[in-house]
């Protein structure tokens, strides 16, 4: 396990969550997690099994993200970063280069989760 893992989480059109874990130059994308108490519990277990001291970046779009934060707030040593639209715009000078080098064939929500994982790594 790494000392710190960087995580991006985004919601899908099907009201599920996609997790992108960034570590040692690679990105691991999760299966979708249902937006239910059981699904959120599975999402928390997935993150805790993958790394320690997760730094998680979310871009809140609806109140469901705040329900998610209640669940992930119980992860030991977690740090949660909320990224606004303005924050993503501020990082656009480096985000496209990162995404171009990653070249993953992934759906939109996974792509957003991937971007947010890189933001988690970069935000101090």
Protein backbone atom coordinates (compact mmCIF):
# COMPACT_ATOMS: atom_id res chain seq x y z
CA UNK A 1 0.00 0.00 0.00
CA UNK A 2 1.07 3.58 -0.68
CA UNK A 3 1.40 6.24 2.00
CA UNK A 4 -1.31 8.26 0.25
CA UNK A 5 -3.75 7.40 -2.48
CA UNK A 6 -5.53 9.96 -4.64
CA UNK A 7 -9.15 9.37 -5.48
CA UNK A 8 -11.67 10.98 -7.80
CA UNK A 9 -15.35 10.11 -7.51
CA UNK A 10 -18.11 11.07 -9.93
CA UNK A 11 -21.75 10.13 -10.37
CA UNK A 12 -23.15 8.40 -13.44
CA UNK A 13 -26.40 9.06 -15.28
CA UNK A 14 -27.73 5.89 -13.60
CA UNK A 15 -27.33 7.39 -10.08
CA UNK A 16 -24.24 5.31 -9.36
CA UNK A 17 -20.67 6.24 -8.40
CA UNK A 18 -17.43 5.63 -10.29
CA UNK A 19 -14.12 5.75 -8.40
CA UNK A 20 -10.75 6.49 -9.98
CA UNK A 21 -7.69 5.62 -7.87
CA UNK A 22 -4.39 7.21 -8.82
CA UNK A 23 -1.14 5.70 -7.67
CA UNK A 24 2.36 5.26 -9.05
CA UNK A 25 1.43 6.74 -12.41
CA UNK A 26 -1.52 4.49 -13.13
CA UNK A 27 -5.27 4.89 -12.72
CA UNK A 28 -7.57 2.13 -11.55
CA UNK A 29 -11.25 2.57 -12.35
CA UNK A 30 -13.86 0.88 -10.20
CA UNK A 31 -17.05 -0.82 -11.14
CA UNK A 32 -20.13 1.38 -10.56
CA UNK A 33 -21.39 1.54 -6.96
CA UNK A 34 -25.10 2.02 -6.35
CA UNK A 35 -26.19 5.17 -4.51
CA UNK A 36 -27.69 3.23 -1.61
CA UNK A 37 -26.41 2.72 1.95
CA UNK A 38 -25.15 -0.75 0.95
CA UNK A 39 -23.55 0.58 -2.24
CA UNK A 40 -21.88 3.45 -0.41
CA UNK A 41 -20.58 0.98 2.17
CA UNK A 42 -19.08 -1.07 -0.67
CA UNK A 43 -17.52 2.11 -2.13
CA UNK A 44 -15.89 2.93 1.23
CA UNK A 45 -14.55 -0.63 1.55
CA UNK A 46 -13.18 -0.44 -2.00
CA UNK A 47 -11.26 2.75 -1.24
CA UNK A 48 -9.89 1.50 2.10
CA UNK A 49 -8.73 -1.78 0.53
CA UNK A 50 -6.84 0.06 -2.22
CA UNK A 51 -4.76 2.46 -0.17
CA UNK A 52 -4.27 4.34 3.04
CA UNK A 53 -4.73 8.03 3.81
CA UNK A 54 -6.95 8.69 0.79
CA UNK A 55 -7.22 12.21 -0.56
CA UNK A 56 -10.57 12.31 -2.32
CA UNK A 57 -11.71 14.96 -4.78
CA UNK A 58 -15.39 15.50 -5.63
CA UNK A 59 -17.18 18.06 -7.74
CA UNK A 60 -20.57 18.50 -6.06
CA UNK A 61 -23.44 18.67 -8.52
CA UNK A 62 -26.32 17.71 -6.28
CA UNK A 63 -27.14 16.93 -2.63
CA UNK A 64 -26.26 13.26 -3.23
CA UNK A 65 -22.54 14.14 -3.06
CA UNK A 66 -23.05 15.38 0.49
CA UNK A 67 -24.61 12.05 1.46
CA UNK A 68 -21.53 10.38 -0.04
CA UNK A 69 -19.28 12.65 2.05
CA UNK A 70 -20.99 11.42 5.22
CA UNK A 71 -19.96 7.87 4.29
CA UNK A 72 -16.39 8.58 3.16
CA UNK A 73 -15.84 10.84 6.18
CA UNK A 74 -15.50 7.67 8.27
CA UNK A 75 -12.43 6.45 6.39
CA UNK A 76 -9.34 6.75 8.63
CA UNK A 77 -7.05 9.68 7.69
CA UNK A 78 -9.28 10.74 4.79
CA UNK A 79 -9.00 14.19 3.28
CA UNK A 80 -11.88 15.40 1.10
CA UNK A 81 -11.47 18.20 -1.44
CA UNK A 82 -14.56 19.77 -3.02
CA UNK A 83 -13.71 21.05 -6.50
CA UNK A 84 -15.84 23.82 -7.99
CA UNK A 85 -16.29 24.60 -11.67
CA UNK A 86 -13.95 27.57 -11.14
CA UNK A 87 -11.38 25.23 -9.58
CA UNK A 88 -11.47 22.91 -12.58
CA UNK A 89 -11.11 25.91 -14.92
CA UNK A 90 -8.08 27.04 -12.93
CA UNK A 91 -6.42 23.66 -13.55
CA UNK A 92 -7.30 23.40 -17.24
CA UNK A 93 -3.79 24.37 -18.28
CA UNK A 94 -2.43 21.03 -17.04
CA UNK A 95 -5.49 18.74 -17.05
CA UNK A 96 -5.63 18.21 -20.84
CA UNK A 97 -1.96 17.18 -20.95
CA UNK A 98 -2.52 14.66 -18.16
CA UNK A 99 -5.59 13.24 -19.85
CA UNK A 100 -3.87 13.07 -23.23
CA UNK A 101 -1.06 10.99 -21.78
CA UNK A 102 -3.50 8.69 -19.99
CA UNK A 103 -5.54 7.87 -23.13
CA UNK A 104 -8.09 5.66 -21.43
CA UNK A 105 -11.15 4.44 -23.36
CA UNK A 106 -13.61 5.33 -20.61
CA UNK A 107 -17.14 6.73 -20.31
CA UNK A 108 -17.83 10.36 -19.30
CA UNK A 109 -18.36 9.81 -15.56
CA UNK A 110 -15.19 7.73 -15.33
CA UNK A 111 -13.33 10.43 -17.24
CA UNK A 112 -14.52 13.05 -14.73
CA UNK A 113 -13.51 10.77 -11.84
CA UNK A 114 -10.11 10.37 -13.49
CA UNK A 115 -9.67 14.16 -13.74
CA UNK A 116 -10.72 14.57 -10.11
CA UNK A 117 -8.13 11.98 -8.99
CA UNK A 118 -5.40 14.08 -10.64
CA UNK A 119 -6.85 17.19 -8.96
CA UNK A 120 -6.67 15.41 -5.59
CA UNK A 121 -3.00 14.76 -6.23
CA UNK A 122 -2.24 18.35 -7.24
CA UNK A 123 -4.27 20.32 -4.69
CA UNK A 124 -2.18 21.03 -1.62
